[in-house]
Amino acid sequence: MVRLRALVIATILALAAPAAAQPTAPGTWTTMAPHPGPPRTEVSVATDGTLLYMLGGFSQTAAGGTGAPVAVQAYDPATDAWTEFATLPEGVNHAGLVVLDGALYLVGGFAGATFNATGAVRILDLATRAWRDGPPLPTPRGALAVVVLDGRIHAIGGQDASRRDTGTHEVFDPATGAWTTAPGMPTPRNHHAASVVGNDIVVLGGRTDATMLLTTNEIFDAATGTWRTGAPVPTGRSGIAAVTLDGEVYLFGGEEQRRTFANAERYDPATDAWAILPDMPTARHGLGAAAIGPFIYVVSGGPQPGLAFSTIVERLEPG
């Protein structure tokens, strides 16, 4: 009986003990030129390796309401300067944005300054700066994650037209001009982030009706068409941005009902391990991120939960 009691006590203590601390990693943050405005949140960001492109999102109108900015802005890290690059056919927020074959692909999102899911796919030729319509997303949704892997676009999760969370996974092949259905993400969610490492798509965090603090890490292996579970995100949150640099996934920002997050964390799929980086100088959600050269640029977003806006640009140089 004494041994049983001791075992029970040891088990209780083990369960109550805090999780082991994550290792830390060095990094240096620098404040860069702000984007031209208007201040935004829930933006879409992508890079062609030379310039960073930002579009969409929410902004504040002169009357204090919520607007849908249509300016497409480009940032040149070589000069730390922004330019007006193009104009959106219509505003959109919470949309996916990727670069593929010399064009920006703007996928899904919520139309204008609403939360009405759209399946629209807009394609901006970066050489001519002309827009054309692409084959629409079969399942309209916003707050989804969109990435490019092996020349194809993967659109994963989000909220559908009924505002339900979905794990829907649809893939666009420009060679055929068609969308196909791939194995769905195990955990339906929205406001998550995804990034590609090798043949894997790493999908992190997000929210559901039950929580805004998901620590979920689910990884899609494109070679086998299967999902697996990775080590959980150290700090659960949603409205985040993720980007890959040198084979590791960096995760930034986020929110829950009462606060925003300045957290910066790094995941290594090869070891299934996380490291903690120095916090961003400015906590925010609804931000975008892109890696150009040895740096990661973290752009825009809301410094307070909900509809808050900024023009902030901060650059991380990992150590």
Protein backbone atom coordinates (compact mmCIF):
# COMPACT_ATOMS: atom_id res chain seq x y z
CA MET A 1 0.00 0.00 0.00
CA VAL A 2 2.86 2.37 0.83
CA ARG A 3 4.48 1.66 -2.54
CA LEU A 4 1.15 2.20 -4.33
CA ARG A 5 0.61 5.50 -2.50
CA ALA A 6 4.13 6.63 -3.42
CA LEU A 7 3.50 5.72 -7.07
CA VAL A 8 0.24 7.70 -7.12
CA ILE A 9 1.94 10.74 -5.56
CA ALA A 10 4.83 10.54 -8.04
CA THR A 11 2.40 10.33 -10.95
CA ILE A 12 0.44 13.36 -9.73
CA LEU A 13 3.63 15.37 -9.32
CA ALA A 14 4.81 14.40 -12.80
CA LEU A 15 1.53 15.49 -14.37
CA ALA A 16 1.55 18.76 -12.45
CA ALA A 17 5.15 19.59 -13.30
CA PRO A 18 5.65 22.28 -15.96
CA ALA A 19 6.72 21.15 -19.42
CA ALA A 20 10.42 21.21 -20.11
CA ALA A 21 11.58 24.60 -21.34
CA GLN A 22 12.33 24.90 -25.03
CA PRO A 23 15.92 25.73 -26.00
CA THR A 24 16.57 29.30 -27.07
CA ALA A 25 18.14 30.44 -30.33
CA PRO A 26 19.83 33.76 -31.14
CA GLY A 27 18.44 36.37 -33.48
CA THR A 28 18.50 40.11 -34.04
CA TRP A 29 15.47 42.28 -34.81
CA THR A 30 15.68 45.53 -36.80
CA THR A 31 12.89 48.01 -37.50
CA MET A 32 12.60 48.72 -41.22
CA ALA A 33 10.74 51.33 -43.29
CA PRO A 34 7.01 51.11 -42.60
CA HIS A 35 4.71 50.28 -45.48
CA PRO A 36 2.98 53.30 -47.09
CA GLY A 37 -0.37 52.58 -45.51
CA PRO A 38 -3.15 52.70 -44.86
CA PRO A 39 -2.40 50.76 -41.68
CA ARG A 40 -3.67 47.21 -42.15
CA THR A 41 -4.29 43.82 -40.58
CA GLU A 42 -5.15 40.35 -41.97
CA VAL A 43 -2.87 41.03 -44.92
CA SER A 44 -1.48 38.66 -47.57
CA VAL A 45 2.28 38.57 -48.16
CA ALA A 46 4.54 36.70 -50.60
CA THR A 47 7.94 37.07 -52.25
CA ASP A 48 9.58 36.22 -55.57
CA GLY A 49 12.95 36.13 -53.84
CA THR A 50 13.78 39.74 -54.71
CA LEU A 51 10.75 41.83 -53.72
CA LEU A 52 8.15 41.36 -51.00
CA TYR A 53 4.51 41.90 -52.03
CA MET A 54 1.71 42.86 -49.64
CA LEU A 55 -1.96 43.27 -50.46
CA GLY A 56 -5.48 42.97 -49.10
CA GLY A 57 -6.55 42.98 -45.47
CA PHE A 58 -8.60 45.40 -43.40
CA SER A 59 -7.89 49.09 -42.92
CA GLN A 60 -9.62 51.90 -41.07
CA THR A 61 -11.65 54.39 -43.09
CA ALA A 62 -11.58 58.14 -42.53
CA ALA A 63 -14.97 57.82 -40.85
CA GLY A 64 -13.61 55.23 -38.42
CA GLY A 65 -15.16 52.22 -40.12
CA THR A 66 -13.48 49.17 -41.65
CA GLY A 67 -12.19 49.43 -45.19
CA ALA A 68 -10.81 47.03 -47.80
CA PRO A 69 -7.59 48.53 -49.25
CA VAL A 70 -6.90 47.73 -52.91
CA ALA A 71 -3.29 48.92 -53.28
CA VAL A 72 -0.71 46.21 -53.97
CA GLN A 73 2.56 47.36 -52.41
CA ALA A 74 6.06 46.06 -53.09
CA TYR A 75 9.05 46.27 -50.75
CA ASP A 76 12.66 46.17 -51.93
CA PRO A 77 14.94 45.05 -49.09
CA ALA A 78 17.99 46.25 -51.03
CA THR A 79 16.84 49.86 -50.64
CA ASP A 80 14.46 49.49 -47.65
CA ALA A 81 11.81 51.23 -49.76
CA TRP A 82 8.18 50.61 -50.73
CA THR A 83 6.40 51.32 -54.04
CA GLU A 84 2.82 51.12 -55.23
CA PHE A 85 2.94 48.10 -57.56
CA ALA A 86 -0.64 47.47 -58.75
CA THR A 87 -4.31 47.74 -57.76
CA LEU A 88 -6.55 44.88 -56.73
CA PRO A 89 -9.71 44.35 -58.79
CA GLU A 90 -11.54 44.27 -55.44
CA GLY A 91 -10.61 44.20 -51.80
CA VAL A 92 -10.13 40.92 -49.95
CA ASN A 93 -9.00 39.89 -46.46
CA HIS A 94 -7.68 36.66 -44.89
CA ALA A 95 -6.63 35.42 -48.36
CA GLY A 96 -3.78 33.17 -49.44
CA LEU A 97 -0.99 34.64 -51.56
CA VAL A 98 1.88 32.83 -53.31
CA VAL A 99 4.28 33.41 -56.21
CA LEU A 100 4.34 30.81 -58.97
CA ASP A 101 5.81 31.02 -62.49
CA GLY A 102 6.31 34.78 -62.41
CA ALA A 103 2.86 35.62 -61.10
CA LEU A 104 1.12 36.35 -57.81
CA TYR A 105 -1.77 33.98 -57.08
CA LEU A 106 -4.36 35.44 -54.70
CA VAL A 107 -6.50 32.56 -53.45
CA GLY A 108 -9.82 32.68 -51.60
CA GLY A 109 -10.30 34.87 -48.54
CA PHE A 110 -13.26 36.97 -47.46
CA ALA A 111 -14.65 39.48 -49.95
CA GLY A 112 -14.10 43.19 -49.38
CA ALA A 113 -14.36 44.16 -45.72
CA THR A 114 -16.81 41.32 -44.96
CA PHE A 115 -16.52 37.76 -43.68
CA ASN A 116 -18.18 36.32 -46.79
CA ALA A 117 -15.98 33.52 -48.10
CA THR A 118 -14.90 33.71 -51.73
CA GLY A 119 -13.46 31.13 -54.10
CA ALA A 120 -12.00 33.75 -56.40
CA VAL A 121 -8.47 33.21 -57.71
CA ARG A 122 -6.79 36.35 -59.04
CA ILE A 123 -3.49 36.14 -60.91
CA LEU A 124 -1.17 39.14 -61.26
CA ASP A 125 1.56 38.86 -63.91
CA LEU A 126 4.60 40.40 -62.24
CA ALA A 127 6.15 41.45 -65.56
CA THR A 128 3.10 43.18 -67.09
CA ARG A 129 1.28 43.96 -63.81
CA ALA A 130 -1.95 42.81 -65.43
CA TRP A 131 -4.60 40.79 -63.60
CA ARG A 132 -6.51 37.80 -64.91
CA ASP A 133 -8.96 35.41 -63.29
CA GLY A 134 -7.85 31.87 -62.51
CA PRO A 135 -9.96 28.74 -62.03
CA PRO A 136 -11.92 29.36 -58.82
CA LEU A 137 -11.20 27.52 -55.61
CA PRO A 138 -13.73 24.63 -55.46
CA THR A 139 -14.46 25.30 -51.78
CA PRO A 140 -14.74 29.04 -51.06
CA ARG A 141 -13.06 29.88 -47.76
CA GLY A 142 -11.11 32.48 -45.87
CA ALA A 143 -8.48 32.42 -43.12
CA LEU A 144 -6.91 29.48 -44.96
CA ALA A 145 -3.27 28.54 -45.53
CA VAL A 146 -1.83 28.51 -49.07
CA VAL A 147 1.61 27.26 -50.14
CA VAL A 148 3.47 26.15 -53.27
CA LEU A 149 5.07 22.71 -53.44
CA ASP A 150 6.60 21.21 -56.60
CA GLY A 151 4.94 23.81 -58.82
CA ARG A 152 1.44 23.24 -57.46
CA ILE A 153 -0.66 25.38 -55.10
CA HIS A 154 -2.08 23.77 -51.95
CA ALA A 155 -5.03 25.50 -50.22
CA ILE A 156 -5.58 24.04 -46.76
CA GLY A 157 -8.25 24.58 -44.09
CA GLY A 158 -10.04 27.82 -43.25
CA GLN A 159 -13.65 28.85 -42.76
CA ASP A 160 -16.19 28.01 -45.48
CA ALA A 161 -19.20 29.98 -46.69
CA SER A 162 -21.18 28.83 -43.64
CA ARG A 163 -18.41 30.04 -41.28
CA ARG A 164 -17.61 26.44 -40.39
CA ASP A 165 -14.02 25.31 -39.87
CA THR A 166 -12.79 22.91 -42.51
CA GLY A 167 -9.80 20.69 -43.10
CA THR A 168 -10.40 20.81 -46.87
CA HIS A 169 -7.20 20.41 -48.90
CA GLU A 170 -7.36 21.36 -52.58
CA VAL A 171 -4.47 21.48 -55.04
CA PHE A 172 -4.11 23.56 -58.21
CA ASP A 173 -1.87 22.36 -61.02
CA PRO A 174 -1.08 25.12 -63.55
CA ALA A 175 -0.11 22.44 -66.09
CA THR A 176 -3.73 21.24 -66.25
CA GLY A 177 -5.44 24.42 -65.06
CA ALA A 178 -7.51 22.35 -62.65
CA TRP A 179 -8.06 21.93 -58.92
CA THR A 180 -8.10 18.46 -57.36
CA THR A 181 -8.90 17.23 -53.85
CA ALA A 182 -6.09 15.95 -51.62
CA PRO A 183 -6.30 14.23 -48.20
CA GLY A 184 -7.90 16.63 -45.74
CA MET A 185 -6.09 18.16 -42.79
CA PRO A 186 -6.94 16.10 -39.66
CA THR A 187 -7.82 19.14 -37.51
CA PRO A 188 -10.28 21.57 -39.16
CA ARG A 189 -9.21 25.10 -38.21
CA ASN A 190 -8.75 28.69 -39.36
CA HIS A 191 -6.22 31.49 -38.82
CA HIS A 192 -3.43 28.88 -38.95
CA ALA A 193 -0.16 29.14 -40.90
CA ALA A 194 1.71 26.79 -43.23
CA SER A 195 5.14 26.54 -44.78
CA VAL A 196 7.01 24.04 -46.97
CA VAL A 197 10.15 22.11 -46.06
CA GLY A 198 11.27 19.58 -48.66
CA ASN A 199 8.27 17.39 -49.54
CA ASP A 200 6.42 18.39 -46.37
CA ILE A 201 3.80 21.06 -45.70
CA VAL A 202 3.95 22.04 -42.02
CA VAL A 203 0.64 23.47 -40.74
CA LEU A 204 0.76 25.20 -37.37
CA GLY A 205 -1.53 26.68 -34.74
CA GLY A 206 -4.79 28.46 -35.50
CA ARG A 207 -8.20 28.48 -33.89
CA THR A 208 -11.57 26.76 -33.68
CA ASP A 209 -14.85 27.69 -32.03
CA ALA A 210 -13.47 26.16 -28.83
CA THR A 211 -10.10 27.92 -28.64
CA MET A 212 -7.88 30.56 -30.22
CA LEU A 213 -4.80 28.89 -28.77
CA LEU A 214 -4.26 25.74 -30.81
CA THR A 215 -0.82 24.15 -30.48
CA THR A 216 -1.57 21.74 -33.32
CA ASN A 217 1.27 20.80 -35.67
CA GLU A 218 0.16 18.62 -38.57
CA ILE A 219 2.48 17.79 -41.47
CA PHE A 220 1.44 16.67 -44.95
CA ASP A 221 3.92 14.44 -46.78
CA ALA A 222 3.33 15.10 -50.47
CA ALA A 223 5.35 12.04 -51.47
CA THR A 224 3.02 9.64 -49.66
CA GLY A 225 -0.14 11.74 -49.51
CA THR A 226 -0.40 11.26 -45.74
CA TRP A 227 -0.57 13.45 -42.64
CA ARG A 228 1.40 13.01 -39.44
CA THR A 229 1.55 14.89 -36.14
CA GLY A 230 4.61 16.93 -35.22
CA ALA A 231 5.76 18.38 -31.92
CA PRO A 232 3.16 20.89 -30.66
CA VAL A 233 3.68 24.62 -31.03
CA PRO A 234 5.26 25.91 -27.78
CA THR A 235 2.86 28.87 -27.57
CA GLY A 236 -0.62 28.19 -28.91
CA ARG A 237 -2.13 31.11 -30.79
CA SER A 238 -3.89 32.14 -34.02
CA GLY A 239 -3.62 34.90 -36.63
CA ILE A 240 0.02 33.90 -37.11
CA ALA A 241 2.57 33.98 -39.93
CA ALA A 242 5.03 31.25 -40.91
CA VAL A 243 7.97 31.08 -43.31
CA THR A 244 10.78 28.63 -44.11
CA LEU A 245 14.45 29.56 -44.01
CA ASP A 246 17.32 27.09 -44.33
CA GLY A 247 15.08 24.08 -43.81
CA GLU A 248 13.38 25.32 -40.65
CA VAL A 249 9.95 26.90 -40.11
CA TYR A 250 9.71 30.24 -38.28
CA LEU A 251 6.43 31.18 -36.61
CA PHE A 252 5.49 34.74 -35.61
CA GLY A 253 2.89 36.74 -33.70
CA GLY A 254 -0.72 35.84 -33.03
CA GLU A 255 -3.67 36.70 -30.82
CA GLU A 256 -6.34 35.46 -28.46
CA GLN A 257 -9.33 37.32 -27.08
CA ARG A 258 -7.41 39.53 -24.63
CA ARG A 259 -3.94 39.99 -26.07
CA THR A 260 -1.57 39.78 -28.99
CA PHE A 261 1.69 37.83 -29.05
CA ALA A 262 5.24 38.93 -29.84
CA ASN A 263 6.45 35.32 -29.84
CA ALA A 264 8.92 34.08 -32.43
CA GLU A 265 9.59 30.34 -32.55
CA ARG A 266 11.46 27.98 -34.86
CA TYR A 267 10.60 24.39 -35.79
CA ASP A 268 13.04 21.87 -37.25
CA PRO A 269 11.11 19.05 -38.99
CA ALA A 270 14.28 16.95 -39.22
CA THR A 271 14.51 16.68 -35.43
CA ASP A 272 10.83 17.43 -34.64
CA ALA A 273 12.04 20.06 -32.17
CA TRP A 274 11.28 23.71 -31.39
CA ALA A 275 13.52 26.59 -30.31
CA ILE A 276 12.51 29.97 -28.89
CA LEU A 277 13.78 33.11 -30.63
CA PRO A 278 13.85 36.68 -29.31
CA ASP A 279 10.39 38.22 -29.34
CA MET A 280 9.34 40.55 -32.12
CA PRO A 281 9.71 44.20 -31.06
CA THR A 282 5.96 44.67 -31.66
CA ALA A 283 3.32 42.11 -30.72
CA ARG A 284 0.68 41.71 -33.44
CA HIS A 285 -1.63 39.36 -35.33
CA GLY A 286 -2.96 39.25 -38.89
CA LEU A 287 0.60 39.87 -40.10
CA GLY A 288 2.58 38.45 -43.02
CA ALA A 289 6.12 37.13 -43.31
CA ALA A 290 8.60 36.43 -46.11
CA ALA A 291 12.22 35.28 -46.24
CA ILE A 292 14.57 37.10 -48.62
CA GLY A 293 18.25 36.20 -48.48
CA PRO A 294 19.36 35.60 -44.88
CA PHE A 295 16.54 37.73 -43.41
CA ILE A 296 12.88 37.32 -42.52
CA TYR A 297 10.60 40.34 -42.92
CA VAL A 298 7.47 40.47 -40.74
CA VAL A 299 4.93 42.93 -42.09
CA SER A 300 1.84 44.82 -40.88
CA GLY A 301 -0.78 43.33 -38.52
CA GLY A 302 -2.82 44.45 -35.55
CA PRO A 303 -1.03 45.39 -32.30
CA GLN A 304 -4.25 44.77 -30.32
CA PRO A 305 -6.71 41.88 -30.63
CA GLY A 306 -9.45 42.22 -33.24
CA LEU A 307 -9.59 45.14 -35.66
CA ALA A 308 -6.36 46.99 -34.95
CA PHE A 309 -3.99 48.13 -37.69
CA SER A 310 -0.35 49.02 -38.31
CA THR A 311 2.29 49.83 -40.94
CA ILE A 312 5.03 48.06 -38.99
CA VAL A 313 7.88 46.19 -40.73
CA GLU A 314 10.44 44.33 -38.62
CA ARG A 315 13.34 42.20 -39.85
CA LEU A 316 14.78 39.13 -38.14
CA GLU A 317 18.33 38.04 -38.75
CA PRO A 318 18.58 34.55 -37.22
CA GLY A 319 21.80 33.83 -35.35
